[in-house]
Amino acid sequence: MKRALTARTPTPRFDVVSQLALTLRGVTLETKYDGAPVLKLGGAFLAGLASHVSAEPDTLIVRMDFDERQLLLDEAPDVYYVTDYYEPHPVVLVRLSRVSDDALRDLLTVSWRLTLPKGKLRTQK
């Protein structure tokens, strides 16, 4: 079965995401095979624009552990959500039009820590 993808182009709000993420050590801005921007740490996914058709336009997808994701979904369902397609993966979807810069910074920092290779956390602070 073919995956349903839509091309996502960077928005002014994603530029803010990129600026915040690029302040974290080792984060790079790259382009996925479908043209969507993606933020990586050591080649591993950190965050990017959601490209599956189940995601709303201007949605950020961020690496997140399942427990933390559930807390976000419970606390602010108008900002954070997950679709059936993304549910099995350790990520949360973020409506960029509704999230503050401070919350974005926190999300990206959590994702950065989750993505950091084991044993590197102490030396990367």
N, C-alpha and C. Protein backbone atom coordinates (compact mmCIF):
# COMPACT_ATOMS: atom_id res chain seq x y z
N MET A 1 0.84 -1.17 0.00
CA MET A 1 0.00 0.00 0.00
C MET A 1 0.88 1.24 0.00
N LYS A 2 0.60 2.16 -0.87
CA LYS A 2 1.37 3.37 -1.00
C LYS A 2 1.03 4.36 0.11
N ARG A 3 2.06 4.98 0.69
CA ARG A 3 1.81 5.97 1.74
C ARG A 3 1.30 7.26 1.13
N ALA A 4 0.38 7.87 1.81
CA ALA A 4 -0.16 9.15 1.36
C ALA A 4 0.65 10.28 1.96
N LEU A 5 1.36 11.00 1.10
CA LEU A 5 2.18 12.11 1.55
C LEU A 5 1.77 13.37 0.81
N THR A 6 1.94 14.48 1.46
CA THR A 6 1.75 15.75 0.79
C THR A 6 3.03 16.55 0.97
N ALA A 7 3.41 17.25 -0.06
CA ALA A 7 4.61 18.07 0.04
C ALA A 7 4.35 19.21 1.01
N ARG A 8 5.26 19.42 1.90
CA ARG A 8 5.13 20.52 2.86
C ARG A 8 6.30 21.47 2.63
N THR A 9 6.01 22.73 2.52
CA THR A 9 7.05 23.72 2.34
C THR A 9 7.18 24.52 3.62
N PRO A 10 8.38 25.00 3.90
CA PRO A 10 8.59 25.76 5.12
C PRO A 10 7.68 26.99 5.17
N THR A 11 7.21 27.29 6.35
CA THR A 11 6.38 28.47 6.59
C THR A 11 7.16 29.42 7.48
N PRO A 12 6.71 30.66 7.60
CA PRO A 12 7.41 31.57 8.52
C PRO A 12 7.49 30.99 9.94
N ARG A 13 6.47 30.28 10.36
CA ARG A 13 6.47 29.70 11.71
C ARG A 13 7.52 28.59 11.81
N PHE A 14 7.72 27.83 10.72
CA PHE A 14 8.76 26.80 10.76
C PHE A 14 10.14 27.44 10.80
N ASP A 15 10.28 28.63 10.25
CA ASP A 15 11.56 29.34 10.36
C ASP A 15 11.90 29.59 11.82
N VAL A 16 10.90 29.92 12.63
CA VAL A 16 11.11 30.11 14.07
C VAL A 16 11.56 28.79 14.70
N VAL A 17 10.89 27.70 14.34
CA VAL A 17 11.26 26.37 14.84
C VAL A 17 12.72 26.09 14.51
N SER A 18 13.10 26.32 13.27
CA SER A 18 14.47 26.07 12.84
C SER A 18 15.47 26.90 13.63
N GLN A 19 15.16 28.19 13.80
CA GLN A 19 16.07 29.06 14.55
C GLN A 19 16.26 28.57 15.98
N LEU A 20 15.17 28.15 16.60
CA LEU A 20 15.26 27.63 17.98
C LEU A 20 16.05 26.33 18.02
N ALA A 21 15.77 25.43 17.10
CA ALA A 21 16.43 24.12 17.10
C ALA A 21 17.92 24.23 16.80
N LEU A 22 18.27 25.14 15.92
CA LEU A 22 19.68 25.26 15.53
C LEU A 22 20.56 25.85 16.64
N THR A 23 19.95 26.32 17.73
CA THR A 23 20.74 26.75 18.89
C THR A 23 21.17 25.55 19.73
N LEU A 24 20.57 24.40 19.49
CA LEU A 24 20.93 23.18 20.22
C LEU A 24 22.13 22.52 19.54
N ARG A 25 23.09 22.13 20.31
CA ARG A 25 24.33 21.58 19.79
C ARG A 25 24.09 20.37 18.88
N GLY A 26 24.67 20.43 17.69
CA GLY A 26 24.66 19.30 16.78
C GLY A 26 23.45 19.20 15.88
N VAL A 27 22.47 20.09 16.02
CA VAL A 27 21.25 20.02 15.20
C VAL A 27 21.53 20.61 13.82
N THR A 28 21.04 19.91 12.80
CA THR A 28 21.17 20.38 11.42
C THR A 28 19.80 20.45 10.77
N LEU A 29 19.67 21.35 9.81
CA LEU A 29 18.45 21.48 9.02
C LEU A 29 18.72 20.82 7.68
N GLU A 30 17.88 19.83 7.34
CA GLU A 30 18.05 19.09 6.11
C GLU A 30 16.72 19.06 5.36
N THR A 31 16.74 18.44 4.19
CA THR A 31 15.53 18.30 3.39
C THR A 31 15.26 16.82 3.17
N LYS A 32 14.02 16.40 3.44
CA LYS A 32 13.63 15.01 3.22
C LYS A 32 13.45 14.76 1.73
N TYR A 33 13.31 13.50 1.37
CA TYR A 33 13.13 13.08 -0.01
C TYR A 33 11.91 13.72 -0.67
N ASP A 34 10.91 14.10 0.13
CA ASP A 34 9.70 14.72 -0.43
C ASP A 34 9.77 16.24 -0.46
N GLY A 35 10.93 16.78 -0.09
CA GLY A 35 11.13 18.23 -0.11
C GLY A 35 10.81 18.93 1.19
N ALA A 36 10.29 18.21 2.15
CA ALA A 36 9.94 18.81 3.45
C ALA A 36 11.19 19.03 4.28
N PRO A 37 11.22 20.12 5.03
CA PRO A 37 12.37 20.36 5.91
C PRO A 37 12.32 19.43 7.12
N VAL A 38 13.49 19.03 7.58
CA VAL A 38 13.58 18.16 8.75
C VAL A 38 14.80 18.58 9.57
N LEU A 39 14.65 18.54 10.88
CA LEU A 39 15.75 18.83 11.80
C LEU A 39 16.28 17.52 12.33
N LYS A 40 17.60 17.38 12.30
CA LYS A 40 18.23 16.13 12.73
C LYS A 40 19.36 16.40 13.71
N LEU A 41 19.66 15.37 14.46
CA LEU A 41 20.79 15.37 15.38
C LEU A 41 21.59 14.11 15.11
N GLY A 42 22.79 14.27 14.60
CA GLY A 42 23.62 13.12 14.28
C GLY A 42 22.97 12.20 13.27
N GLY A 43 22.20 12.75 12.34
CA GLY A 43 21.52 11.96 11.32
C GLY A 43 20.19 11.38 11.76
N ALA A 44 19.82 11.55 13.04
CA ALA A 44 18.56 11.01 13.56
C ALA A 44 17.49 12.11 13.61
N PHE A 45 16.26 11.72 13.33
CA PHE A 45 15.13 12.64 13.32
C PHE A 45 14.92 13.30 14.67
N LEU A 46 14.73 14.61 14.64
CA LEU A 46 14.42 15.41 15.81
C LEU A 46 13.02 16.03 15.67
N ALA A 47 12.80 16.70 14.54
CA ALA A 47 11.52 17.36 14.27
C ALA A 47 11.44 17.75 12.81
N GLY A 48 10.23 17.99 12.34
CA GLY A 48 10.06 18.43 10.95
C GLY A 48 8.60 18.70 10.68
N LEU A 49 8.32 19.16 9.48
CA LEU A 49 6.94 19.37 9.09
C LEU A 49 6.31 18.02 8.78
N ALA A 50 5.14 17.79 9.31
CA ALA A 50 4.43 16.53 9.07
C ALA A 50 4.03 16.46 7.60
N SER A 51 4.26 15.31 6.96
CA SER A 51 3.98 15.21 5.53
C SER A 51 2.87 14.21 5.20
N HIS A 52 2.38 13.49 6.17
CA HIS A 52 1.29 12.56 5.90
C HIS A 52 -0.02 13.35 5.80
N VAL A 53 -0.91 12.92 4.90
CA VAL A 53 -2.16 13.66 4.69
C VAL A 53 -3.06 13.68 5.92
N SER A 54 -2.83 12.81 6.87
CA SER A 54 -3.65 12.82 8.08
C SER A 54 -3.34 14.01 8.98
N ALA A 55 -2.19 14.64 8.77
CA ALA A 55 -1.81 15.80 9.58
C ALA A 55 -2.39 17.07 8.98
N GLU A 56 -2.76 17.98 9.85
CA GLU A 56 -3.26 19.28 9.41
C GLU A 56 -2.12 20.08 8.78
N PRO A 57 -2.44 21.03 7.90
CA PRO A 57 -1.39 21.90 7.35
C PRO A 57 -0.68 22.65 8.47
N ASP A 58 0.57 22.99 8.22
CA ASP A 58 1.40 23.75 9.17
C ASP A 58 1.50 23.04 10.52
N THR A 59 1.74 21.73 10.45
CA THR A 59 1.90 20.91 11.64
C THR A 59 3.34 20.45 11.77
N LEU A 60 3.88 20.62 12.95
CA LEU A 60 5.22 20.16 13.28
C LEU A 60 5.10 18.77 13.90
N ILE A 61 6.00 17.89 13.53
CA ILE A 61 6.08 16.58 14.17
C ILE A 61 7.38 16.56 14.96
N VAL A 62 7.29 16.19 16.22
CA VAL A 62 8.43 16.24 17.13
C VAL A 62 8.59 14.89 17.83
N ARG A 63 9.83 14.42 17.89
CA ARG A 63 10.12 13.19 18.64
C ARG A 63 9.75 13.41 20.10
N MET A 64 9.01 12.45 20.66
CA MET A 64 8.53 12.58 22.04
C MET A 64 8.25 11.18 22.57
N ASP A 65 8.59 10.92 23.82
CA ASP A 65 8.25 9.61 24.35
C ASP A 65 6.74 9.55 24.61
N PHE A 66 6.22 8.34 24.68
CA PHE A 66 4.77 8.14 24.75
C PHE A 66 4.14 8.76 26.00
N ASP A 67 4.80 8.66 27.14
CA ASP A 67 4.24 9.21 28.38
C ASP A 67 4.15 10.74 28.31
N GLU A 68 5.22 11.35 27.84
CA GLU A 68 5.23 12.81 27.71
C GLU A 68 4.19 13.26 26.68
N ARG A 69 4.07 12.51 25.60
CA ARG A 69 3.07 12.84 24.58
C ARG A 69 1.67 12.85 25.18
N GLN A 70 1.37 11.85 25.99
CA GLN A 70 0.03 11.78 26.57
C GLN A 70 -0.24 12.96 27.49
N LEU A 71 0.78 13.39 28.22
CA LEU A 71 0.62 14.57 29.08
C LEU A 71 0.30 15.81 28.25
N LEU A 72 1.02 15.97 27.15
CA LEU A 72 0.77 17.12 26.27
C LEU A 72 -0.64 17.07 25.68
N LEU A 73 -1.05 15.89 25.23
CA LEU A 73 -2.38 15.73 24.64
C LEU A 73 -3.47 16.05 25.66
N ASP A 74 -3.26 15.62 26.91
CA ASP A 74 -4.24 15.87 27.96
C ASP A 74 -4.28 17.35 28.36
N GLU A 75 -3.11 18.00 28.42
CA GLU A 75 -3.02 19.38 28.88
C GLU A 75 -3.47 20.40 27.85
N ALA A 76 -3.18 20.15 26.58
CA ALA A 76 -3.47 21.17 25.55
C ALA A 76 -3.87 20.52 24.22
N PRO A 77 -5.05 19.91 24.17
CA PRO A 77 -5.47 19.23 22.94
C PRO A 77 -5.70 20.19 21.77
N ASP A 78 -5.81 21.48 22.05
CA ASP A 78 -5.95 22.45 20.97
C ASP A 78 -4.60 22.73 20.29
N VAL A 79 -3.49 22.39 20.96
CA VAL A 79 -2.15 22.62 20.44
C VAL A 79 -1.54 21.31 19.93
N TYR A 80 -1.67 20.25 20.72
CA TYR A 80 -1.02 18.97 20.43
C TYR A 80 -2.06 17.93 20.02
N TYR A 81 -1.69 17.09 19.08
CA TYR A 81 -2.58 16.01 18.67
C TYR A 81 -1.77 14.88 18.06
N VAL A 82 -2.44 13.80 17.78
CA VAL A 82 -1.83 12.66 17.09
C VAL A 82 -2.91 12.02 16.22
N THR A 83 -2.54 11.55 15.06
CA THR A 83 -3.49 10.87 14.17
C THR A 83 -3.22 9.37 14.24
N ASP A 84 -4.13 8.60 13.70
CA ASP A 84 -3.95 7.14 13.69
C ASP A 84 -2.63 6.75 13.03
N TYR A 85 -2.26 7.46 11.98
CA TYR A 85 -1.02 7.14 11.27
C TYR A 85 0.20 7.31 12.17
N TYR A 86 0.23 8.37 12.95
CA TYR A 86 1.40 8.68 13.79
C TYR A 86 1.35 8.04 15.17
N GLU A 87 0.20 7.54 15.58
CA GLU A 87 0.04 7.03 16.95
C GLU A 87 1.07 5.96 17.36
N PRO A 88 1.43 5.01 16.50
CA PRO A 88 2.40 4.00 16.94
C PRO A 88 3.83 4.51 17.10
N HIS A 89 4.08 5.72 16.68
CA HIS A 89 5.44 6.26 16.69
C HIS A 89 5.64 7.22 17.87
N PRO A 90 6.86 7.29 18.40
CA PRO A 90 7.11 8.17 19.55
C PRO A 90 7.25 9.63 19.11
N VAL A 91 6.14 10.21 18.68
CA VAL A 91 6.10 11.59 18.21
C VAL A 91 4.81 12.25 18.67
N VAL A 92 4.81 13.57 18.62
CA VAL A 92 3.59 14.35 18.85
C VAL A 92 3.48 15.35 17.71
N LEU A 93 2.25 15.64 17.32
CA LEU A 93 1.98 16.64 16.29
C LEU A 93 1.63 17.95 16.98
N VAL A 94 2.14 19.04 16.42
CA VAL A 94 2.01 20.35 17.05
C VAL A 94 1.43 21.34 16.02
N ARG A 95 0.34 21.97 16.38
CA ARG A 95 -0.24 23.01 15.53
C ARG A 95 0.61 24.28 15.71
N LEU A 96 1.40 24.58 14.68
CA LEU A 96 2.34 25.70 14.80
C LEU A 96 1.64 27.04 15.03
N SER A 97 0.43 27.17 14.56
CA SER A 97 -0.30 28.43 14.74
C SER A 97 -0.75 28.64 16.18
N ARG A 98 -0.68 27.59 17.00
CA ARG A 98 -1.21 27.69 18.36
C ARG A 98 -0.18 27.49 19.47
N VAL A 99 1.07 27.28 19.10
CA VAL A 99 2.08 27.00 20.11
C VAL A 99 2.98 28.22 20.29
N SER A 100 3.34 28.50 21.55
CA SER A 100 4.21 29.64 21.84
C SER A 100 5.67 29.29 21.56
N ASP A 101 6.48 30.31 21.41
CA ASP A 101 7.91 30.09 21.20
C ASP A 101 8.53 29.38 22.41
N ASP A 102 8.10 29.73 23.61
CA ASP A 102 8.64 29.08 24.81
C ASP A 102 8.31 27.59 24.82
N ALA A 103 7.08 27.24 24.44
CA ALA A 103 6.70 25.83 24.38
C ALA A 103 7.49 25.11 23.29
N LEU A 104 7.70 25.78 22.16
CA LEU A 104 8.51 25.18 21.09
C LEU A 104 9.92 24.89 21.57
N ARG A 105 10.50 25.86 22.26
CA ARG A 105 11.86 25.68 22.79
C ARG A 105 11.91 24.47 23.73
N ASP A 106 10.92 24.34 24.59
CA ASP A 106 10.87 23.20 25.51
C ASP A 106 10.71 21.88 24.75
N LEU A 107 9.80 21.86 23.78
CA LEU A 107 9.59 20.64 22.98
C LEU A 107 10.85 20.21 22.27
N LEU A 108 11.53 21.17 21.65
CA LEU A 108 12.74 20.85 20.90
C LEU A 108 13.86 20.38 21.83
N THR A 109 13.93 20.95 23.01
CA THR A 109 14.95 20.52 23.97
C THR A 109 14.67 19.09 24.44
N VAL A 110 13.42 18.77 24.71
CA VAL A 110 13.06 17.39 25.10
C VAL A 110 13.40 16.44 23.96
N SER A 111 13.04 16.80 22.74
CA SER A 111 13.33 15.96 21.59
C SER A 111 14.83 15.79 21.41
N TRP A 112 15.59 16.87 21.60
CA TRP A 112 17.05 16.82 21.49
C TRP A 112 17.63 15.82 22.50
N ARG A 113 17.13 15.88 23.73
CA ARG A 113 17.63 14.95 24.76
C ARG A 113 17.27 13.50 24.43
N LEU A 114 16.08 13.27 23.87
CA LEU A 114 15.67 11.92 23.49
C LEU A 114 16.49 11.39 22.31
N THR A 115 16.89 12.29 21.43
CA THR A 115 17.61 11.91 20.23
C THR A 115 19.11 11.77 20.46
N LEU A 116 19.61 12.45 21.46
CA LEU A 116 21.03 12.41 21.78
C LEU A 116 21.49 10.98 22.01
N PRO A 117 22.60 10.58 21.40
CA PRO A 117 23.09 9.21 21.65
C PRO A 117 23.31 8.97 23.14
N LYS A 118 23.03 7.78 23.58
CA LYS A 118 23.20 7.43 24.99
C LYS A 118 24.63 7.73 25.44
N GLY A 119 24.76 8.26 26.64
CA GLY A 119 26.08 8.58 27.18
C GLY A 119 26.58 9.97 26.80
N LYS A 120 25.92 10.64 25.88
CA LYS A 120 26.35 11.95 25.44
C LYS A 120 25.73 13.08 26.24
N LEU A 121 24.66 12.82 26.94
CA LEU A 121 23.91 13.88 27.62
C LEU A 121 24.79 14.67 28.59
N ARG A 122 25.60 13.98 29.36
CA ARG A 122 26.42 14.66 30.37
C ARG A 122 27.43 15.58 29.72
N THR A 123 27.95 15.22 28.55
CA THR A 123 28.98 16.03 27.90
C THR A 123 28.42 17.09 26.99
N GLN A 124 27.11 17.07 26.70
CA GLN A 124 26.51 18.00 25.76
C GLN A 124 25.83 19.19 26.42
N LYS A 125 25.75 19.24 27.72
CA LYS A 125 25.03 20.34 28.39
C LYS A 125 25.70 21.66 28.17
